[in-house]
Amino acid sequence: MLLIAGSNPALLEGLSQSLTRTGSGVLVAHTLDEAEDLRAQHRPVLVIVERALLASCEPGHPFIGGVVPSGSALVTYRESGQAATTLSPGLSRLVVADLELPLERNRLTALAEHTLSRARTVGRSSPVTGPESPAS
């Protein structure tokens, strides 16, 4: 399962269609609160978030505290032509990759495929939901 969060509906739709080809389900959120709800319910393997959304959220936001403990990898992105926003040092350490989309769409797809492959290798191939599910 993949989770994409961002503010541009057209970009999110295009990414969702591209990433569906990886063979995994794709969830789309337009806010960090919505992304946190989806992350808590579905435990995605890869979380792709618009960098500006992360930079603007409060340090104690539940989304930030829940990404890594849930076993998810975090990728940030910005749209072509946007300046990179600064993340706190603690938050930037959680980021696996920072991409400029849609220019690096192929890189994102390759990263998603690799991450999903590794998840299958360690036995996390089926969707895991709910807090009672075994840890990966």
Protein backbone atom coordinates (compact mmCIF):
# COMPACT_ATOMS: atom_id res chain seq x y z
CA MET A 1 0.00 0.00 0.00
CA LEU A 2 1.23 3.48 -0.93
CA LEU A 3 0.00 6.80 0.48
CA ILE A 4 0.30 10.12 -1.37
CA ALA A 5 -0.48 13.44 0.32
CA GLY A 6 -0.45 16.84 -1.33
CA SER A 7 -2.41 19.91 -2.29
CA ASN A 8 -2.47 19.67 -6.11
CA PRO A 9 -5.33 17.34 -7.16
CA ALA A 10 -4.12 17.01 -10.77
CA LEU A 11 -0.61 15.99 -9.72
CA LEU A 12 -1.99 13.56 -7.12
CA GLU A 13 -4.24 11.95 -9.75
CA GLY A 14 -1.34 11.53 -12.16
CA LEU A 15 0.91 10.07 -9.46
CA SER A 16 -1.84 7.75 -8.31
CA GLN A 17 -2.31 6.41 -11.84
CA SER A 18 1.44 5.95 -12.31
CA LEU A 19 1.94 4.22 -8.98
CA THR A 20 -1.03 1.89 -9.46
CA ARG A 21 1.12 0.15 -12.07
CA THR A 22 3.41 -1.05 -9.26
CA GLY A 23 0.72 -3.56 -8.31
CA SER A 24 -0.02 -1.97 -4.97
CA GLY A 25 -2.99 -0.01 -3.76
CA VAL A 26 -2.64 3.77 -3.67
CA LEU A 27 -4.35 6.03 -1.14
CA VAL A 28 -4.62 9.79 -1.72
CA ALA A 29 -4.92 12.49 0.95
CA HIS A 30 -5.17 16.26 0.56
CA THR A 31 -4.19 17.22 4.13
CA LEU A 32 -1.85 15.82 6.77
CA ASP A 33 -4.81 15.06 9.03
CA GLU A 34 -6.41 12.99 6.29
CA ALA A 35 -3.04 11.34 5.59
CA GLU A 36 -2.65 10.49 9.28
CA ASP A 37 -6.06 8.81 9.36
CA LEU A 38 -5.22 6.74 6.28
CA ARG A 39 -1.73 5.93 7.57
CA ALA A 40 -3.10 4.69 10.89
CA GLN A 41 -5.75 2.51 9.19
CA HIS A 42 -3.70 1.01 6.37
CA ARG A 43 -0.01 1.12 7.41
CA PRO A 44 1.38 1.95 3.96
CA VAL A 45 4.86 0.77 3.00
CA LEU A 46 5.69 4.10 1.34
CA VAL A 47 4.36 7.54 2.27
CA ILE A 48 4.85 10.30 -0.33
CA VAL A 49 4.15 13.80 1.01
CA GLU A 50 4.36 17.27 -0.45
CA ARG A 51 7.34 18.86 1.28
CA ALA A 52 5.48 22.13 1.94
CA LEU A 53 2.79 20.23 3.87
CA LEU A 54 5.41 18.72 6.17
CA ALA A 55 7.28 21.99 6.59
CA SER A 56 4.12 23.81 7.66
CA CYS A 57 2.92 21.31 10.26
CA GLU A 58 3.53 21.50 13.99
CA PRO A 59 6.42 19.41 15.37
CA GLY A 60 4.07 17.33 17.53
CA HIS A 61 1.65 16.45 14.72
CA PRO A 62 0.62 12.77 14.98
CA PHE A 63 1.53 12.16 11.32
CA ILE A 64 5.19 12.90 11.97
CA GLY A 65 5.35 10.71 15.05
CA GLY A 66 3.62 7.80 13.35
CA VAL A 67 5.38 7.36 10.01
CA VAL A 68 8.59 5.59 11.00
CA PRO A 69 7.25 3.50 13.91
CA SER A 70 4.61 2.12 11.53
CA GLY A 71 7.37 0.75 9.29
CA SER A 72 6.76 3.20 6.45
CA ALA A 73 9.41 4.90 4.34
CA LEU A 74 8.92 8.66 3.85
CA VAL A 75 9.48 10.46 0.54
CA THR A 76 8.90 14.18 0.08
CA TYR A 77 8.28 16.01 -3.16
CA ARG A 78 7.89 19.48 -4.54
CA GLU A 79 6.47 20.53 -7.86
CA SER A 80 8.72 21.69 -10.69
CA GLY A 81 9.75 25.29 -10.20
CA GLN A 82 8.94 25.39 -6.48
CA ALA A 83 11.70 26.30 -4.08
CA ALA A 84 12.59 23.60 -1.59
CA THR A 85 11.16 24.36 1.83
CA THR A 86 13.26 23.70 4.90
CA LEU A 87 12.38 20.83 7.20
CA SER A 88 13.49 20.54 10.80
CA PRO A 89 16.64 18.43 11.24
CA GLY A 90 14.68 15.69 13.02
CA LEU A 91 12.12 15.52 10.26
CA SER A 92 14.65 15.67 7.43
CA ARG A 93 16.41 12.60 8.90
CA LEU A 94 13.23 10.60 8.30
CA VAL A 95 13.10 11.41 4.57
CA VAL A 96 14.42 8.69 2.25
CA ALA A 97 14.26 10.87 -0.88
CA ASP A 98 13.24 14.38 -1.90
CA LEU A 99 11.94 14.54 -5.46
CA GLU A 100 10.89 17.21 -7.95
CA LEU A 101 7.68 16.09 -9.62
CA PRO A 102 6.57 15.41 -12.26
CA LEU A 103 10.17 15.50 -13.59
CA GLU A 104 11.29 12.65 -11.34
CA ARG A 105 8.18 10.50 -11.73
CA ASN A 106 10.20 7.54 -13.05
CA ARG A 107 12.52 7.76 -10.05
CA LEU A 108 9.51 7.73 -7.73
CA THR A 109 8.06 4.69 -9.49
CA ALA A 110 11.38 2.83 -9.23
CA LEU A 111 11.66 3.75 -5.55
CA ALA A 112 8.10 2.55 -4.90
CA GLU A 113 8.74 -0.74 -6.71
CA HIS A 114 11.95 -1.33 -4.75
CA THR A 115 10.32 -0.49 -1.42
CA LEU A 116 7.37 -2.78 -2.14
CA SER A 117 9.74 -5.57 -3.18
CA ARG A 118 11.66 -5.25 0.09
CA ALA A 119 8.39 -5.27 2.03
CA ARG A 120 7.40 -8.53 0.34
CA THR A 121 10.83 -9.99 1.11
CA VAL A 122 10.42 -9.36 4.82
CA GLY A 123 6.88 -10.73 4.82
CA ARG A 124 4.82 -7.60 4.62
CA SER A 125 3.20 -8.37 1.28
CA SER A 126 -0.42 -8.38 2.36
CA PRO A 127 -2.19 -5.25 3.54
CA VAL A 128 -1.93 -4.89 7.29
CA THR A 129 -4.61 -2.94 9.07
CA GLY A 130 -5.41 -2.05 12.62
CA PRO A 131 -3.29 -1.90 15.75
CA GLU A 132 -3.81 -5.62 16.46
CA SER A 133 -1.89 -6.64 13.34
CA PRO A 134 1.58 -8.17 13.78
CA ALA A 135 4.56 -5.87 13.51
CA SER A 136 6.61 -6.04 10.34
